Amino acid sequence: MALFFDADWFNARLAASYLTRSDLARALAIGDEEIAEIWKDQRELSARDVGTIAVLLGVAPEDIAEHAGVSTPVPRTDNNQLADIIARLERVERELAELKTKLRLS
């Protein structure tokens, strides 16, 4: 397990998923300030946070826990239904916003 939050790994995963830290904050129902604290390794992720981020980024919860340096238990992979719903809702909202932007430009 990593001892510290691996910001480079998380930045790369977010970029690969076309997400921002603000998107992640919304999915976790926290503010941008709290996300900044996570990135600075000043706030630890909860097991629920680990599960939500795993679904959002499409990786195993164990990967999130490892790169976040968390000491909390990793949630069971088969018990992430709520996190999956949250992630899908975030994607739908993002796609809807993109469609609205495209329609305004037409």
C-alpha atoms as a PDB file:
ATOM      1  CA  MET A   1       0.000   0.000   0.000  1.00  0.00           C
ATOM      2  CA  ALA A   2       1.215   3.482  -0.829  1.00  0.00           C
ATOM      3  CA  LEU A   3       2.028   5.660   2.140  1.00  0.00           C
ATOM      4  CA  PHE A   4       0.863   8.876   0.518  1.00  0.00           C
ATOM      5  CA  PHE A   5      -1.784  10.016  -1.924  1.00  0.00           C
ATOM      6  CA  ASP A   6      -0.472   9.480  -5.464  1.00  0.00           C
ATOM      7  CA  ALA A   7      -1.744  12.685  -7.107  1.00  0.00           C
ATOM      8  CA  ASP A   8      -0.035  11.942 -10.439  1.00  0.00           C
ATOM      9  CA  TRP A   9      -1.799   8.568 -10.712  1.00  0.00           C
ATOM     10  CA  PHE A  10      -5.190  10.105  -9.896  1.00  0.00           C
ATOM     11  CA  ASN A  11      -4.623  13.025 -12.300  1.00  0.00           C
ATOM     12  CA  ALA A  12      -3.809  10.556 -15.080  1.00  0.00           C
ATOM     13  CA  ARG A  13      -6.886   8.428 -14.329  1.00  0.00           C
ATOM     14  CA  LEU A  14      -9.151  11.477 -14.271  1.00  0.00           C
ATOM     15  CA  ALA A  15      -7.723  12.730 -17.566  1.00  0.00           C
ATOM     16  CA  ALA A  16      -8.147   9.302 -19.172  1.00  0.00           C
ATOM     17  CA  SER A  17     -11.814   9.348 -18.092  1.00  0.00           C
ATOM     18  CA  TYR A  18     -12.320  12.950 -19.288  1.00  0.00           C
ATOM     19  CA  LEU A  19     -13.143  13.983 -15.728  1.00  0.00           C
ATOM     20  CA  THR A  20     -11.997  16.826 -13.520  1.00  0.00           C
ATOM     21  CA  ARG A  21     -11.434  17.094  -9.802  1.00  0.00           C
ATOM     22  CA  SER A  22     -14.702  19.031  -9.649  1.00  0.00           C
ATOM     23  CA  ASP A  23     -16.508  16.083 -11.253  1.00  0.00           C
ATOM     24  CA  LEU A  24     -15.000  13.854  -8.612  1.00  0.00           C
ATOM     25  CA  ALA A  25     -16.043  16.263  -5.859  1.00  0.00           C
ATOM     26  CA  ARG A  26     -19.642  16.181  -7.096  1.00  0.00           C
ATOM     27  CA  ALA A  27     -19.627  12.379  -7.206  1.00  0.00           C
ATOM     28  CA  LEU A  28     -18.373  12.307  -3.613  1.00  0.00           C
ATOM     29  CA  ALA A  29     -20.824  15.052  -2.562  1.00  0.00           C
ATOM     30  CA  ILE A  30     -18.000  17.248  -1.269  1.00  0.00           C
ATOM     31  CA  GLY A  31     -16.585  20.622  -2.263  1.00  0.00           C
ATOM     32  CA  ASP A  32     -13.556  21.484  -4.356  1.00  0.00           C
ATOM     33  CA  GLU A  33     -11.745  22.543  -1.177  1.00  0.00           C
ATOM     34  CA  GLU A  34     -12.137  19.049   0.248  1.00  0.00           C
ATOM     35  CA  ILE A  35     -10.853  17.503  -2.990  1.00  0.00           C
ATOM     36  CA  ALA A  36      -7.816  19.780  -2.720  1.00  0.00           C
ATOM     37  CA  GLU A  37      -7.232  18.446   0.801  1.00  0.00           C
ATOM     38  CA  ILE A  38      -7.332  14.890  -0.537  1.00  0.00           C
ATOM     39  CA  TRP A  39      -4.808  15.794  -3.260  1.00  0.00           C
ATOM     40  CA  LYS A  40      -2.535  17.350  -0.620  1.00  0.00           C
ATOM     41  CA  ASP A  41      -2.862  14.183   1.490  1.00  0.00           C
ATOM     42  CA  GLN A  42      -4.558  16.150   4.257  1.00  0.00           C
ATOM     43  CA  ARG A  43      -7.812  14.197   4.128  1.00  0.00           C
ATOM     44  CA  GLU A  44      -8.202  10.431   3.957  1.00  0.00           C
ATOM     45  CA  LEU A  45     -10.786   8.741   1.776  1.00  0.00           C
ATOM     46  CA  SER A  46     -13.522   6.702   3.433  1.00  0.00           C
ATOM     47  CA  ALA A  47     -14.403   3.202   2.258  1.00  0.00           C
ATOM     48  CA  ARG A  48     -17.486   4.695   0.556  1.00  0.00           C
ATOM     49  CA  ASP A  49     -15.289   7.264  -1.226  1.00  0.00           C
ATOM     50  CA  VAL A  50     -12.968   4.496  -2.410  1.00  0.00           C
ATOM     51  CA  GLY A  51     -15.913   2.566  -3.867  1.00  0.00           C
ATOM     52  CA  THR A  52     -17.395   5.609  -5.587  1.00  0.00           C
ATOM     53  CA  ILE A  53     -14.081   6.655  -7.133  1.00  0.00           C
ATOM     54  CA  ALA A  54     -13.398   3.088  -8.284  1.00  0.00           C
ATOM     55  CA  VAL A  55     -16.672   2.966 -10.186  1.00  0.00           C
ATOM     56  CA  LEU A  56     -16.224   6.457 -11.583  1.00  0.00           C
ATOM     57  CA  LEU A  57     -12.696   5.714 -12.860  1.00  0.00           C
ATOM     58  CA  GLY A  58     -13.428   2.123 -13.885  1.00  0.00           C
ATOM     59  CA  VAL A  59     -10.732   0.563 -11.704  1.00  0.00           C
ATOM     60  CA  ALA A  60     -10.747  -1.847  -8.775  1.00  0.00           C
ATOM     61  CA  PRO A  61     -11.330  -0.403  -5.299  1.00  0.00           C
ATOM     62  CA  GLU A  62      -8.032  -1.973  -4.273  1.00  0.00           C
ATOM     63  CA  ASP A  63      -6.232   0.214  -6.843  1.00  0.00           C
ATOM     64  CA  ILE A  64      -7.871   3.336  -5.451  1.00  0.00           C
ATOM     65  CA  ALA A  65      -6.986   2.379  -1.880  1.00  0.00           C
ATOM     66  CA  GLU A  66      -3.402   1.595  -2.840  1.00  0.00           C
ATOM     67  CA  HIS A  67      -2.807   4.874  -4.679  1.00  0.00           C
ATOM     68  CA  ALA A  68      -4.676   6.916  -2.063  1.00  0.00           C
ATOM     69  CA  GLY A  69      -2.636   5.454   0.776  1.00  0.00           C
ATOM     70  CA  VAL A  70      -5.777   4.803   2.795  1.00  0.00           C
ATOM     71  CA  SER A  71      -5.869   2.725   5.929  1.00  0.00           C
ATOM     72  CA  THR A  72      -9.642   2.245   5.844  1.00  0.00           C
ATOM     73  CA  PRO A  73     -11.003  -1.116   4.685  1.00  0.00           C
ATOM     74  CA  VAL A  74     -11.609  -1.443   0.969  1.00  0.00           C
ATOM     75  CA  PRO A  75     -15.310  -1.879   0.188  1.00  0.00           C
ATOM     76  CA  ARG A  76     -16.436  -5.137  -1.308  1.00  0.00           C
ATOM     77  CA  THR A  77     -16.504  -4.911  -5.086  1.00  0.00           C
ATOM     78  CA  ASP A  78     -19.922  -6.583  -5.325  1.00  0.00           C
ATOM     79  CA  ASN A  79     -21.492  -3.994  -3.003  1.00  0.00           C
ATOM     80  CA  ASN A  80     -20.960  -0.894  -5.131  1.00  0.00           C
ATOM     81  CA  GLN A  81     -24.414  -0.572  -6.644  1.00  0.00           C
ATOM     82  CA  LEU A  82     -25.000   2.930  -5.248  1.00  0.00           C
ATOM     83  CA  ALA A  83     -21.574   4.081  -6.399  1.00  0.00           C
ATOM     84  CA  ASP A  84     -22.354   2.685  -9.856  1.00  0.00           C
ATOM     85  CA  ILE A  85     -25.629   4.601  -9.992  1.00  0.00           C
ATOM     86  CA  ILE A  86     -23.889   7.807  -8.902  1.00  0.00           C
ATOM     87  CA  ALA A  87     -21.193   7.354 -11.542  1.00  0.00           C
ATOM     88  CA  ARG A  88     -23.731   6.690 -14.288  1.00  0.00           C
ATOM     89  CA  LEU A  89     -25.763   9.726 -13.251  1.00  0.00           C
ATOM     90  CA  GLU A  90     -22.635  11.903 -13.371  1.00  0.00           C
ATOM     91  CA  ARG A  91     -21.865  10.634 -16.894  1.00  0.00           C
ATOM     92  CA  VAL A  92     -25.428  11.317 -18.055  1.00  0.00           C
ATOM     93  CA  GLU A  93     -25.355  14.828 -16.597  1.00  0.00           C
ATOM     94  CA  ARG A  94     -21.993  15.515 -18.244  1.00  0.00           C
ATOM     95  CA  GLU A  95     -23.210  14.242 -21.630  1.00  0.00           C
ATOM     96  CA  LEU A  96     -26.402  16.291 -21.330  1.00  0.00           C
ATOM     97  CA  ALA A  97     -24.380  19.424 -20.623  1.00  0.00           C
ATOM     98  CA  GLU A  98     -22.196  18.715 -23.660  1.00  0.00           C
ATOM     99  CA  LEU A  99     -25.281  18.239 -25.855  1.00  0.00           C
ATOM    100  CA  LYS A 100     -26.791  21.502 -24.610  1.00  0.00           C
ATOM    101  CA  THR A 101     -23.537  23.295 -25.419  1.00  0.00           C
ATOM    102  CA  LYS A 102     -23.458  21.810 -28.922  1.00  0.00           C
ATOM    103  CA  LEU A 103     -27.079  22.771 -29.551  1.00  0.00           C
ATOM    104  CA  ARG A 104     -26.412  26.353 -28.490  1.00  0.00           C
ATOM    105  CA  LEU A 105     -23.475  26.530 -30.915  1.00  0.00           C
ATOM    106  CA  SER A 106     -25.560  25.275 -33.842  1.00  0.00           C
END
